[in-house]
Amino acid sequence: MAGMKDRLGDTPYNYPDQPGWKEGQTSREAAEDIKERARTLRGRCFGFIRQYPGHTADEIAAALGESVLTIRPRISELRQKSLIVNEGRGHNRSGKAAHRWKAA
């Protein structure tokens, strides 16, 4: 999606280097709101995964003291950048299946 424009035809974004959005104003606003912190958060997630492989996004969020709604997209960005890979399955906080991550 690098260099693509959102469905509203506005400012281009460069996912996964910057937070992306799928559609609508609220999704776009959320991406814009986290834009300044996203790089730092990706770095913290990647550092945690390198040091402690085998955790789900929810476990990583808890360890970093962040919301799962903030961390799950950063995990997707790291996966999209091929920096992390699936190491198996675990469960998220709601009991649903979730990937466990390790550095690529």
PDB file of N, CA and C in Angstrom:
ATOM      1  N   MET A   1       0.806  -1.194   0.000  1.00  0.00           N
ATOM      2  CA  MET A   1       0.000   0.000   0.000  1.00  0.00           C
ATOM      3  C   MET A   1       0.853   1.264   0.000  1.00  0.00           C
ATOM      4  N   ALA A   2       2.148   1.124  -0.106  1.00  0.00           N
ATOM      5  CA  ALA A   2       3.027   2.286  -0.044  1.00  0.00           C
ATOM      6  C   ALA A   2       2.629   3.312  -1.090  1.00  0.00           C
ATOM      7  N   GLY A   3       2.529   4.557  -0.650  1.00  0.00           N
ATOM      8  CA  GLY A   3       2.224   5.647  -1.547  1.00  0.00           C
ATOM      9  C   GLY A   3       0.785   5.739  -2.006  1.00  0.00           C
ATOM     10  N   MET A   4      -0.085   4.862  -1.512  1.00  0.00           N
ATOM     11  CA  MET A   4      -1.495   4.899  -1.921  1.00  0.00           C
ATOM     12  C   MET A   4      -2.212   6.022  -1.191  1.00  0.00           C
ATOM     13  N   LYS A   5      -3.344   6.406  -1.723  1.00  0.00           N
ATOM     14  CA  LYS A   5      -4.183   7.398  -1.057  1.00  0.00           C
ATOM     15  C   LYS A   5      -5.360   6.683  -0.410  1.00  0.00           C
ATOM     16  N   ASP A   6      -5.849   7.285   0.662  1.00  0.00           N
ATOM     17  CA  ASP A   6      -7.008   6.691   1.309  1.00  0.00           C
ATOM     18  C   ASP A   6      -8.236   6.859   0.423  1.00  0.00           C
ATOM     19  N   ARG A   7      -9.324   6.216   0.788  1.00  0.00           N
ATOM     20  CA  ARG A   7     -10.528   6.226  -0.047  1.00  0.00           C
ATOM     21  C   ARG A   7     -11.161   7.599  -0.175  1.00  0.00           C
ATOM     22  N   LEU A   8     -10.772   8.502   0.685  1.00  0.00           N
ATOM     23  CA  LEU A   8     -11.295   9.858   0.588  1.00  0.00           C
ATOM     24  C   LEU A   8     -10.465  10.686  -0.385  1.00  0.00           C
ATOM     25  N   GLY A   9      -9.346  10.107  -0.878  1.00  0.00           N
ATOM     26  CA  GLY A   9      -8.507  10.786  -1.848  1.00  0.00           C
ATOM     27  C   GLY A   9      -7.602  11.840  -1.241  1.00  0.00           C
ATOM     28  N   ASP A  10      -7.361  11.739   0.059  1.00  0.00           N
ATOM     29  CA  ASP A  10      -6.552  12.740   0.744  1.00  0.00           C
ATOM     30  C   ASP A  10      -5.072  12.358   0.750  1.00  0.00           C
ATOM     31  N   THR A  11      -4.416  12.763   1.792  1.00  0.00           N
ATOM     32  CA  THR A  11      -2.981  12.624   1.934  1.00  0.00           C
ATOM     33  C   THR A  11      -2.515  11.182   1.775  1.00  0.00           C
ATOM     34  N   PRO A  12      -1.469  10.965   0.979  1.00  0.00           N
ATOM     35  CA  PRO A  12      -0.918   9.614   0.853  1.00  0.00           C
ATOM     36  C   PRO A  12      -0.311   9.154   2.176  1.00  0.00           C
ATOM     37  N   TYR A  13      -0.308   7.879   2.410  1.00  0.00           N
ATOM     38  CA  TYR A  13       0.357   7.304   3.578  1.00  0.00           C
ATOM     39  C   TYR A  13       1.245   6.163   3.114  1.00  0.00           C
ATOM     40  N   ASN A  14       2.201   5.838   3.935  1.00  0.00           N
ATOM     41  CA  ASN A  14       3.190   4.825   3.586  1.00  0.00           C
ATOM     42  C   ASN A  14       3.176   3.693   4.599  1.00  0.00           C
ATOM     43  N   TYR A  15       2.151   2.884   4.543  1.00  0.00           N
ATOM     44  CA  TYR A  15       2.045   1.722   5.412  1.00  0.00           C
ATOM     45  C   TYR A  15       3.051   0.680   4.945  1.00  0.00           C
ATOM     46  N   PRO A  16       3.796   0.035   5.794  1.00  0.00           N
ATOM     47  CA  PRO A  16       3.713  -0.009   7.254  1.00  0.00           C
ATOM     48  C   PRO A  16       4.664   0.937   7.973  1.00  0.00           C
ATOM     49  N   ASP A  17       5.343   1.816   7.265  1.00  0.00           N
ATOM     50  CA  ASP A  17       6.239   2.757   7.932  1.00  0.00           C
ATOM     51  C   ASP A  17       5.476   3.807   8.722  1.00  0.00           C
ATOM     52  N   GLN A  18       4.248   4.070   8.323  1.00  0.00           N
ATOM     53  CA  GLN A  18       3.358   4.950   9.049  1.00  0.00           C
ATOM     54  C   GLN A  18       2.034   4.219   9.229  1.00  0.00           C
ATOM     55  N   PRO A  19       1.318   4.510  10.298  1.00  0.00           N
ATOM     56  CA  PRO A  19       0.028   3.855  10.497  1.00  0.00           C
ATOM     57  C   PRO A  19      -0.903   4.086   9.317  1.00  0.00           C
ATOM     58  N   GLY A  20      -1.621   3.065   8.937  1.00  0.00           N
ATOM     59  CA  GLY A  20      -2.563   3.172   7.836  1.00  0.00           C
ATOM     60  C   GLY A  20      -3.991   3.171   8.327  1.00  0.00           C
ATOM     61  N   TRP A  21      -4.900   3.290   7.398  1.00  0.00           N
ATOM     62  CA  TRP A  21      -6.325   3.230   7.710  1.00  0.00           C
ATOM     63  C   TRP A  21      -7.024   2.563   6.541  1.00  0.00           C
ATOM     64  N   LYS A  22      -8.115   1.904   6.866  1.00  0.00           N
ATOM     65  CA  LYS A  22      -8.831   1.167   5.828  1.00  0.00           C
ATOM     66  C   LYS A  22      -9.886   2.023   5.155  1.00  0.00           C
ATOM     67  N   GLU A  23     -10.640   2.722   5.935  1.00  0.00           N
ATOM     68  CA  GLU A  23     -11.695   3.557   5.362  1.00  0.00           C
ATOM     69  C   GLU A  23     -12.266   4.466   6.429  1.00  0.00           C
ATOM     70  N   GLY A  24     -12.905   5.489   5.988  1.00  0.00           N
ATOM     71  CA  GLY A  24     -13.648   6.353   6.892  1.00  0.00           C
ATOM     72  C   GLY A  24     -12.791   7.326   7.670  1.00  0.00           C
ATOM     73  N   GLN A  25     -13.441   8.334   8.140  1.00  0.00           N
ATOM     74  CA  GLN A  25     -12.780   9.418   8.851  1.00  0.00           C
ATOM     75  C   GLN A  25     -12.234   8.979  10.204  1.00  0.00           C
ATOM     76  N   THR A  26     -12.972   8.170  10.965  1.00  0.00           N
ATOM     77  CA  THR A  26     -12.503   7.797  12.299  1.00  0.00           C
ATOM     78  C   THR A  26     -11.239   6.956  12.229  1.00  0.00           C
ATOM     79  N   SER A  27     -11.174   6.022  11.286  1.00  0.00           N
ATOM     80  CA  SER A  27      -9.981   5.199  11.124  1.00  0.00           C
ATOM     81  C   SER A  27      -8.779   6.065  10.756  1.00  0.00           C
ATOM     82  N   ARG A  28      -9.004   6.992   9.883  1.00  0.00           N
ATOM     83  CA  ARG A  28      -7.933   7.898   9.460  1.00  0.00           C
ATOM     84  C   ARG A  28      -7.476   8.774  10.624  1.00  0.00           C
ATOM     85  N   GLU A  29      -8.415   9.293  11.394  1.00  0.00           N
ATOM     86  CA  GLU A  29      -8.064  10.130  12.537  1.00  0.00           C
ATOM     87  C   GLU A  29      -7.251   9.347  13.564  1.00  0.00           C
ATOM     88  N   ALA A  30      -7.610   8.093  13.791  1.00  0.00           N
ATOM     89  CA  ALA A  30      -6.857   7.263  14.729  1.00  0.00           C
ATOM     90  C   ALA A  30      -5.421   7.069  14.242  1.00  0.00           C
ATOM     91  N   ALA A  31      -5.250   6.839  12.957  1.00  0.00           N
ATOM     92  CA  ALA A  31      -3.905   6.680  12.385  1.00  0.00           C
ATOM     93  C   ALA A  31      -3.106   7.969  12.538  1.00  0.00           C
ATOM     94  N   GLU A  32      -3.734   9.085  12.288  1.00  0.00           N
ATOM     95  CA  GLU A  32      -3.047  10.374  12.429  1.00  0.00           C
ATOM     96  C   GLU A  32      -2.674  10.642  13.883  1.00  0.00           C
ATOM     97  N   ASP A  33      -3.565  10.289  14.810  1.00  0.00           N
ATOM     98  CA  ASP A  33      -3.316  10.527  16.236  1.00  0.00           C
ATOM     99  C   ASP A  33      -2.108   9.741  16.751  1.00  0.00           C
ATOM    100  N   ILE A  34      -1.904   8.530  16.258  1.00  0.00           N
ATOM    101  CA  ILE A  34      -0.826   7.665  16.755  1.00  0.00           C
ATOM    102  C   ILE A  34       0.462   7.833  15.952  1.00  0.00           C
ATOM    103  N   LYS A  35       0.388   8.573  14.864  1.00  0.00           N
ATOM    104  CA  LYS A  35       1.515   8.699  13.929  1.00  0.00           C
ATOM    105  C   LYS A  35       2.839   9.034  14.614  1.00  0.00           C
ATOM    106  N   GLU A  36       2.835   9.992  15.524  1.00  0.00           N
ATOM    107  CA  GLU A  36       4.079  10.422  16.180  1.00  0.00           C
ATOM    108  C   GLU A  36       4.659   9.353  17.099  1.00  0.00           C
ATOM    109  N   ARG A  37       3.811   8.545  17.719  1.00  0.00           N
ATOM    110  CA  ARG A  37       4.273   7.508  18.657  1.00  0.00           C
ATOM    111  C   ARG A  37       4.502   6.157  17.994  1.00  0.00           C
ATOM    112  N   ALA A  38       3.975   5.957  16.803  1.00  0.00           N
ATOM    113  CA  ALA A  38       3.990   4.626  16.183  1.00  0.00           C
ATOM    114  C   ALA A  38       5.396   4.062  16.021  1.00  0.00           C
ATOM    115  N   ARG A  39       6.331   4.867  15.565  1.00  0.00           N
ATOM    116  CA  ARG A  39       7.695   4.384  15.362  1.00  0.00           C
ATOM    117  C   ARG A  39       8.316   3.912  16.679  1.00  0.00           C
ATOM    118  N   THR A  40       8.154   4.704  17.727  1.00  0.00           N
ATOM    119  CA  THR A  40       8.673   4.329  19.040  1.00  0.00           C
ATOM    120  C   THR A  40       8.014   3.052  19.542  1.00  0.00           C
ATOM    121  N   LEU A  41       6.695   2.971  19.382  1.00  0.00           N
ATOM    122  CA  LEU A  41       5.972   1.781  19.829  1.00  0.00           C
ATOM    123  C   LEU A  41       6.395   0.538  19.045  1.00  0.00           C
ATOM    124  N   ARG A  42       6.587   0.672  17.725  1.00  0.00           N
ATOM    125  CA  ARG A  42       7.079  -0.463  16.932  1.00  0.00           C
ATOM    126  C   ARG A  42       8.435  -0.917  17.455  1.00  0.00           C
ATOM    127  N   GLY A  43       9.297   0.041  17.759  1.00  0.00           N
ATOM    128  CA  GLY A  43      10.617  -0.278  18.291  1.00  0.00           C
ATOM    129  C   GLY A  43      10.537  -0.997  19.626  1.00  0.00           C
ATOM    130  N   ARG A  44       9.662  -0.537  20.488  1.00  0.00           N
ATOM    131  CA  ARG A  44       9.482  -1.200  21.788  1.00  0.00           C
ATOM    132  C   ARG A  44       8.943  -2.615  21.609  1.00  0.00           C
ATOM    133  N   CYS A  45       7.975  -2.769  20.701  1.00  0.00           N
ATOM    134  CA  CYS A  45       7.417  -4.108  20.430  1.00  0.00           C
ATOM    135  C   CYS A  45       8.495  -5.031  19.879  1.00  0.00           C
ATOM    136  N   PHE A  46       9.247  -4.545  18.909  1.00  0.00           N
ATOM    137  CA  PHE A  46      10.276  -5.372  18.291  1.00  0.00           C
ATOM    138  C   PHE A  46      11.356  -5.742  19.304  1.00  0.00           C
ATOM    139  N   GLY A  47      11.760  -4.797  20.133  1.00  0.00           N
ATOM    140  CA  GLY A  47      12.742  -5.093  21.179  1.00  0.00           C
ATOM    141  C   GLY A  47      12.241  -6.153  22.138  1.00  0.00           C
ATOM    142  N   PHE A  48      10.973  -6.053  22.519  1.00  0.00           N
ATOM    143  CA  PHE A  48      10.392  -7.050  23.418  1.00  0.00           C
ATOM    144  C   PHE A  48      10.367  -8.421  22.752  1.00  0.00           C
ATOM    145  N   ILE A  49       9.935  -8.464  21.502  1.00  0.00           N
ATOM    146  CA  ILE A  49       9.836  -9.743  20.782  1.00  0.00           C
ATOM    147  C   ILE A  49      11.215 -10.375  20.623  1.00  0.00           C
ATOM    148  N   ARG A  50      12.218  -9.583  20.324  1.00  0.00           N
ATOM    149  CA  ARG A  50      13.585 -10.120  20.196  1.00  0.00           C
ATOM    150  C   ARG A  50      14.068 -10.687  21.522  1.00  0.00           C
ATOM    151  N   GLN A  51      13.784  -9.995  22.598  1.00  0.00           N
ATOM    152  CA  GLN A  51      14.262 -10.433  23.908  1.00  0.00           C
ATOM    153  C   GLN A  51      13.405 -11.556  24.497  1.00  0.00           C
ATOM    154  N   TYR A  52      12.109 -11.511  24.231  1.00  0.00           N
ATOM    155  CA  TYR A  52      11.171 -12.476  24.809  1.00  0.00           C
ATOM    156  C   TYR A  52      10.262 -13.048  23.723  1.00  0.00           C
ATOM    157  N   PRO A  53      10.783 -13.885  22.840  1.00  0.00           N
ATOM    158  CA  PRO A  53       9.938 -14.421  21.759  1.00  0.00           C
ATOM    159  C   PRO A  53       8.827 -15.318  22.302  1.00  0.00           C
ATOM    160  N   GLY A  54       7.803 -15.479  21.466  1.00  0.00           N
ATOM    161  CA  GLY A  54       6.739 -16.420  21.795  1.00  0.00           C
ATOM    162  C   GLY A  54       5.544 -15.828  22.506  1.00  0.00           C
ATOM    163  N   HIS A  55       5.378 -14.515  22.440  1.00  0.00           N
ATOM    164  CA  HIS A  55       4.239 -13.874  23.091  1.00  0.00           C
ATOM    165  C   HIS A  55       3.231 -13.376  22.059  1.00  0.00           C
ATOM    166  N   THR A  56       1.979 -13.311  22.481  1.00  0.00           N
ATOM    167  CA  THR A  56       0.918 -12.764  21.640  1.00  0.00           C
ATOM    168  C   THR A  56       0.942 -11.236  21.726  1.00  0.00           C
ATOM    169  N   ALA A  57       0.252 -10.587  20.816  1.00  0.00           N
ATOM    170  CA  ALA A  57       0.162  -9.128  20.841  1.00  0.00           C
ATOM    171  C   ALA A  57      -0.428  -8.633  22.154  1.00  0.00           C
ATOM    172  N   ASP A  58      -1.419  -9.330  22.669  1.00  0.00           N
ATOM    173  CA  ASP A  58      -2.033  -8.925  23.930  1.00  0.00           C
ATOM    174  C   ASP A  58      -1.044  -9.035  25.087  1.00  0.00           C
ATOM    175  N   GLU A  59      -0.236 -10.080  25.094  1.00  0.00           N
ATOM    176  CA  GLU A  59       0.777 -10.249  26.137  1.00  0.00           C
ATOM    177  C   GLU A  59       1.847  -9.167  26.018  1.00  0.00           C
ATOM    178  N   ILE A  60       2.205  -8.829  24.790  1.00  0.00           N
ATOM    179  CA  ILE A  60       3.188  -7.768  24.564  1.00  0.00           C
ATOM    180  C   ILE A  60       2.633  -6.438  25.064  1.00  0.00           C
ATOM    181  N   ALA A  61       1.372  -6.162  24.754  1.00  0.00           N
ATOM    182  CA  ALA A  61       0.740  -4.928  25.222  1.00  0.00           C
ATOM    183  C   ALA A  61       0.777  -4.849  26.748  1.00  0.00           C
ATOM    184  N   ALA A  62       0.424  -5.933  27.410  1.00  0.00           N
ATOM    185  CA  ALA A  62       0.429  -5.946  28.874  1.00  0.00           C
ATOM    186  C   ALA A  62       1.842  -5.715  29.414  1.00  0.00           C
ATOM    187  N   ALA A  63       2.827  -6.366  28.827  1.00  0.00           N
ATOM    188  CA  ALA A  63       4.212  -6.222  29.287  1.00  0.00           C
ATOM    189  C   ALA A  63       4.723  -4.794  29.101  1.00  0.00           C
ATOM    190  N   LEU A  64       4.276  -4.132  28.043  1.00  0.00           N
ATOM    191  CA  LEU A  64       4.720  -2.770  27.763  1.00  0.00           C
ATOM    192  C   LEU A  64       3.850  -1.713  28.432  1.00  0.00           C
ATOM    193  N   GLY A  65       2.768  -2.152  29.073  1.00  0.00           N
ATOM    194  CA  GLY A  65       1.871  -1.207  29.739  1.00  0.00           C
ATOM    195  C   GLY A  65       1.084  -0.350  28.766  1.00  0.00           C
ATOM    196  N   GLU A  66       0.758  -0.933  27.621  1.00  0.00           N
ATOM    197  CA  GLU A  66       0.018  -0.217  26.577  1.00  0.00           C
ATOM    198  C   GLU A  66      -1.293  -0.938  26.293  1.00  0.00           C
ATOM    199  N   SER A  67      -2.207  -0.244  25.656  1.00  0.00           N
ATOM    200  CA  SER A  67      -3.476  -0.824  25.248  1.00  0.00           C
ATOM    201  C   SER A  67      -3.266  -1.817  24.100  1.00  0.00           C
ATOM    202  N   VAL A  68      -4.045  -2.877  24.086  1.00  0.00           N
ATOM    203  CA  VAL A  68      -3.979  -3.812  22.961  1.00  0.00           C
ATOM    204  C   VAL A  68      -4.380  -3.112  21.664  1.00  0.00           C
ATOM    205  N   LEU A  69      -5.232  -2.096  21.769  1.00  0.00           N
ATOM    206  CA  LEU A  69      -5.658  -1.367  20.576  1.00  0.00           C
ATOM    207  C   LEU A  69      -4.534  -0.505  20.003  1.00  0.00           C
ATOM    208  N   THR A  70      -3.538  -0.225  20.806  1.00  0.00           N
ATOM    209  CA  THR A  70      -2.360   0.507  20.351  1.00  0.00           C
ATOM    210  C   THR A  70      -1.297  -0.446  19.817  1.00  0.00           C
ATOM    211  N   ILE A  71      -1.171  -1.611  20.438  1.00  0.00           N
ATOM    212  CA  ILE A  71      -0.089  -2.543  20.104  1.00  0.00           C
ATOM    213  C   ILE A  71      -0.431  -3.470  18.946  1.00  0.00           C
ATOM    214  N   ARG A  72      -1.634  -3.950  18.859  1.00  0.00           N
ATOM    215  CA  ARG A  72      -1.976  -4.875  17.759  1.00  0.00           C
ATOM    216  C   ARG A  72      -1.633  -4.309  16.382  1.00  0.00           C
ATOM    217  N   PRO A  73      -1.949  -3.040  16.089  1.00  0.00           N
ATOM    218  CA  PRO A  73      -1.560  -2.504  14.775  1.00  0.00           C
ATOM    219  C   PRO A  73      -0.045  -2.430  14.586  1.00  0.00           C
ATOM    220  N   ARG A  74       0.697  -2.167  15.672  1.00  0.00           N
ATOM    221  CA  ARG A  74       2.154  -2.110  15.549  1.00  0.00           C
ATOM    222  C   ARG A  74       2.710  -3.493  15.225  1.00  0.00           C
ATOM    223  N   ILE A  75       2.098  -4.539  15.772  1.00  0.00           N
ATOM    224  CA  ILE A  75       2.511  -5.912  15.459  1.00  0.00           C
ATOM    225  C   ILE A  75       2.236  -6.191  13.984  1.00  0.00           C
ATOM    226  N   SER A  76       1.095  -5.764  13.491  1.00  0.00           N
ATOM    227  CA  SER A  76       0.777  -5.940  12.062  1.00  0.00           C
ATOM    228  C   SER A  76       1.790  -5.219  11.185  1.00  0.00           C
ATOM    229  N   GLU A  77       2.199  -4.027  11.597  1.00  0.00           N
ATOM    230  CA  GLU A  77       3.202  -3.280  10.829  1.00  0.00           C
ATOM    231  C   GLU A  77       4.543  -4.007  10.819  1.00  0.00           C
ATOM    232  N   LEU A  78       4.951  -4.535  11.972  1.00  0.00           N
ATOM    233  CA  LEU A  78       6.208  -5.289  12.036  1.00  0.00           C
ATOM    234  C   LEU A  78       6.148  -6.545  11.167  1.00  0.00           C
ATOM    235  N   ARG A  79       5.000  -7.213  11.174  1.00  0.00           N
ATOM    236  CA  ARG A  79       4.832  -8.393  10.326  1.00  0.00           C
ATOM    237  C   ARG A  79       4.892  -8.012   8.859  1.00  0.00           C
ATOM    238  N   GLN A  80       4.237  -6.929   8.495  1.00  0.00           N
ATOM    239  CA  GLN A  80       4.234  -6.458   7.113  1.00  0.00           C
ATOM    240  C   GLN A  80       5.645  -6.093   6.646  1.00  0.00           C
ATOM    241  N   LYS A  81       6.472  -5.616   7.558  1.00  0.00           N
ATOM    242  CA  LYS A  81       7.853  -5.260   7.246  1.00  0.00           C
ATOM    243  C   LYS A  81       8.777  -6.488   7.275  1.00  0.00           C
ATOM    244  N   SER A  82       8.211  -7.664   7.526  1.00  0.00           N
ATOM    245  CA  SER A  82       8.957  -8.938   7.601  1.00  0.00           C
ATOM    246  C   SER A  82      10.003  -8.941   8.714  1.00  0.00           C
ATOM    247  N   LEU A  83       9.750  -8.185   9.781  1.00  0.00           N
ATOM    248  CA  LEU A  83      10.659  -8.173  10.923  1.00  0.00           C
ATOM    249  C   LEU A  83      10.313  -9.231  11.954  1.00  0.00           C
ATOM    250  N   ILE A  84       9.067  -9.687  11.938  1.00  0.00           N
ATOM    251  CA  ILE A  84       8.632 -10.738  12.854  1.00  0.00           C
ATOM    252  C   ILE A  84       7.877 -11.801  12.077  1.00  0.00           C
ATOM    253  N   VAL A  85       7.857 -13.006  12.645  1.00  0.00           N
ATOM    254  CA  VAL A  85       7.127 -14.117  12.041  1.00  0.00           C
ATOM    255  C   VAL A  85       6.351 -14.856  13.122  1.00  0.00           C
ATOM    256  N   ASN A  86       5.338 -15.545  12.684  1.00  0.00           N
ATOM    257  CA  ASN A  86       4.494 -16.341  13.557  1.00  0.00           C
ATOM    258  C   ASN A  86       5.300 -17.505  14.120  1.00  0.00           C
ATOM    259  N   GLU A  87       5.246 -17.689  15.430  1.00  0.00           N
ATOM    260  CA  GLU A  87       5.968 -18.785  16.081  1.00  0.00           C
ATOM    261  C   GLU A  87       5.005 -19.855  16.609  1.00  0.00           C
ATOM    262  N   GLY A  88       3.771 -19.739  16.326  1.00  0.00           N
ATOM    263  CA  GLY A  88       2.803 -20.696  16.835  1.00  0.00           C
ATOM    264  C   GLY A  88       1.551 -19.976  17.285  1.00  0.00           C
ATOM    265  N   ARG A  89       0.722 -20.712  17.987  1.00  0.00           N
ATOM    266  CA  ARG A  89      -0.555 -20.141  18.400  1.00  0.00           C
ATOM    267  C   ARG A  89      -0.673 -20.109  19.905  1.00  0.00           C
ATOM    268  N   GLY A  90      -1.331 -19.074  20.348  1.00  0.00           N
ATOM    269  CA  GLY A  90      -1.675 -18.918  21.749  1.00  0.00           C
ATOM    270  C   GLY A  90      -3.096 -18.404  21.811  1.00  0.00           C
ATOM    271  N   HIS A  91      -3.414 -17.700  22.872  1.00  0.00           N
ATOM    272  CA  HIS A  91      -4.756 -17.137  23.028  1.00  0.00           C
ATOM    273  C   HIS A  91      -4.656 -15.697  23.483  1.00  0.00           C
ATOM    274  N   ASN A  92      -5.595 -14.883  22.987  1.00  0.00           N
ATOM    275  CA  ASN A  92      -5.629 -13.502  23.435  1.00  0.00           C
ATOM    276  C   ASN A  92      -6.480 -13.385  24.697  1.00  0.00           C
ATOM    277  N   ARG A  93      -6.673 -12.173  25.165  1.00  0.00           N
ATOM    278  CA  ARG A  93      -7.383 -11.966  26.431  1.00  0.00           C
ATOM    279  C   ARG A  93      -8.811 -12.474  26.407  1.00  0.00           C
ATOM    280  N   SER A  94      -9.425 -12.513  25.243  1.00  0.00           N
ATOM    281  CA  SER A  94     -10.806 -12.985  25.159  1.00  0.00           C
ATOM    282  C   SER A  94     -10.892 -14.490  24.961  1.00  0.00           C
ATOM    283  N   GLY A  95      -9.745 -15.163  24.952  1.00  0.00           N
ATOM    284  CA  GLY A  95      -9.728 -16.611  24.799  1.00  0.00           C
ATOM    285  C   GLY A  95      -9.671 -17.086  23.361  1.00  0.00           C
ATOM    286  N   LYS A  96      -9.655 -16.167  22.414  1.00  0.00           N
ATOM    287  CA  LYS A  96      -9.582 -16.525  20.992  1.00  0.00           C
ATOM    288  C   LYS A  96      -8.141 -16.842  20.604  1.00  0.00           C
ATOM    289  N   ALA A  97      -7.989 -17.641  19.553  1.00  0.00           N
ATOM    290  CA  ALA A  97      -6.660 -17.991  19.069  1.00  0.00           C
ATOM    291  C   ALA A  97      -5.914 -16.737  18.615  1.00  0.00           C
ATOM    292  N   ALA A  98      -4.617 -16.703  18.889  1.00  0.00           N
ATOM    293  CA  ALA A  98      -3.771 -15.564  18.510  1.00  0.00           C
ATOM    294  C   ALA A  98      -2.384 -16.083  18.173  1.00  0.00           C
ATOM    295  N   HIS A  99      -1.691 -15.374  17.304  1.00  0.00           N
ATOM    296  CA  HIS A  99      -0.330 -15.746  16.943  1.00  0.00           C
ATOM    297  C   HIS A  99       0.640 -15.394  18.068  1.00  0.00           C
ATOM    298  N   ARG A 100       1.661 -16.210  18.181  1.00  0.00           N
ATOM    299  CA  ARG A 100       2.807 -15.886  19.028  1.00  0.00           C
ATOM    300  C   ARG A 100       3.910 -15.445  18.077  1.00  0.00           C
ATOM    301  N   TRP A 101       4.704 -14.440  18.459  1.00  0.00           N
ATOM    302  CA  TRP A 101       5.639 -13.804  17.544  1.00  0.00           C
ATOM    303  C   TRP A 101       7.088 -13.987  17.948  1.00  0.00           C
ATOM    304  N   LYS A 102       7.956 -14.057  16.943  1.00  0.00           N
ATOM    305  CA  LYS A 102       9.407 -14.059  17.166  1.00  0.00           C
ATOM    306  C   LYS A 102      10.038 -13.207  16.069  1.00  0.00           C
ATOM    307  N   ALA A 103      11.261 -12.753  16.307  1.00  0.00           N
ATOM    308  CA  ALA A 103      11.967 -11.958  15.318  1.00  0.00           C
ATOM    309  C   ALA A 103      12.297 -12.838  14.104  1.00  0.00           C
ATOM    310  N   ALA A 104      12.251 -12.251  12.924  1.00  0.00           N
ATOM    311  CA  ALA A 104      12.523 -13.002  11.691  1.00  0.00           C
ATOM    312  C   ALA A 104      14.016 -13.277  11.575  1.00  0.00           C
TER     313      ALA A 104
END
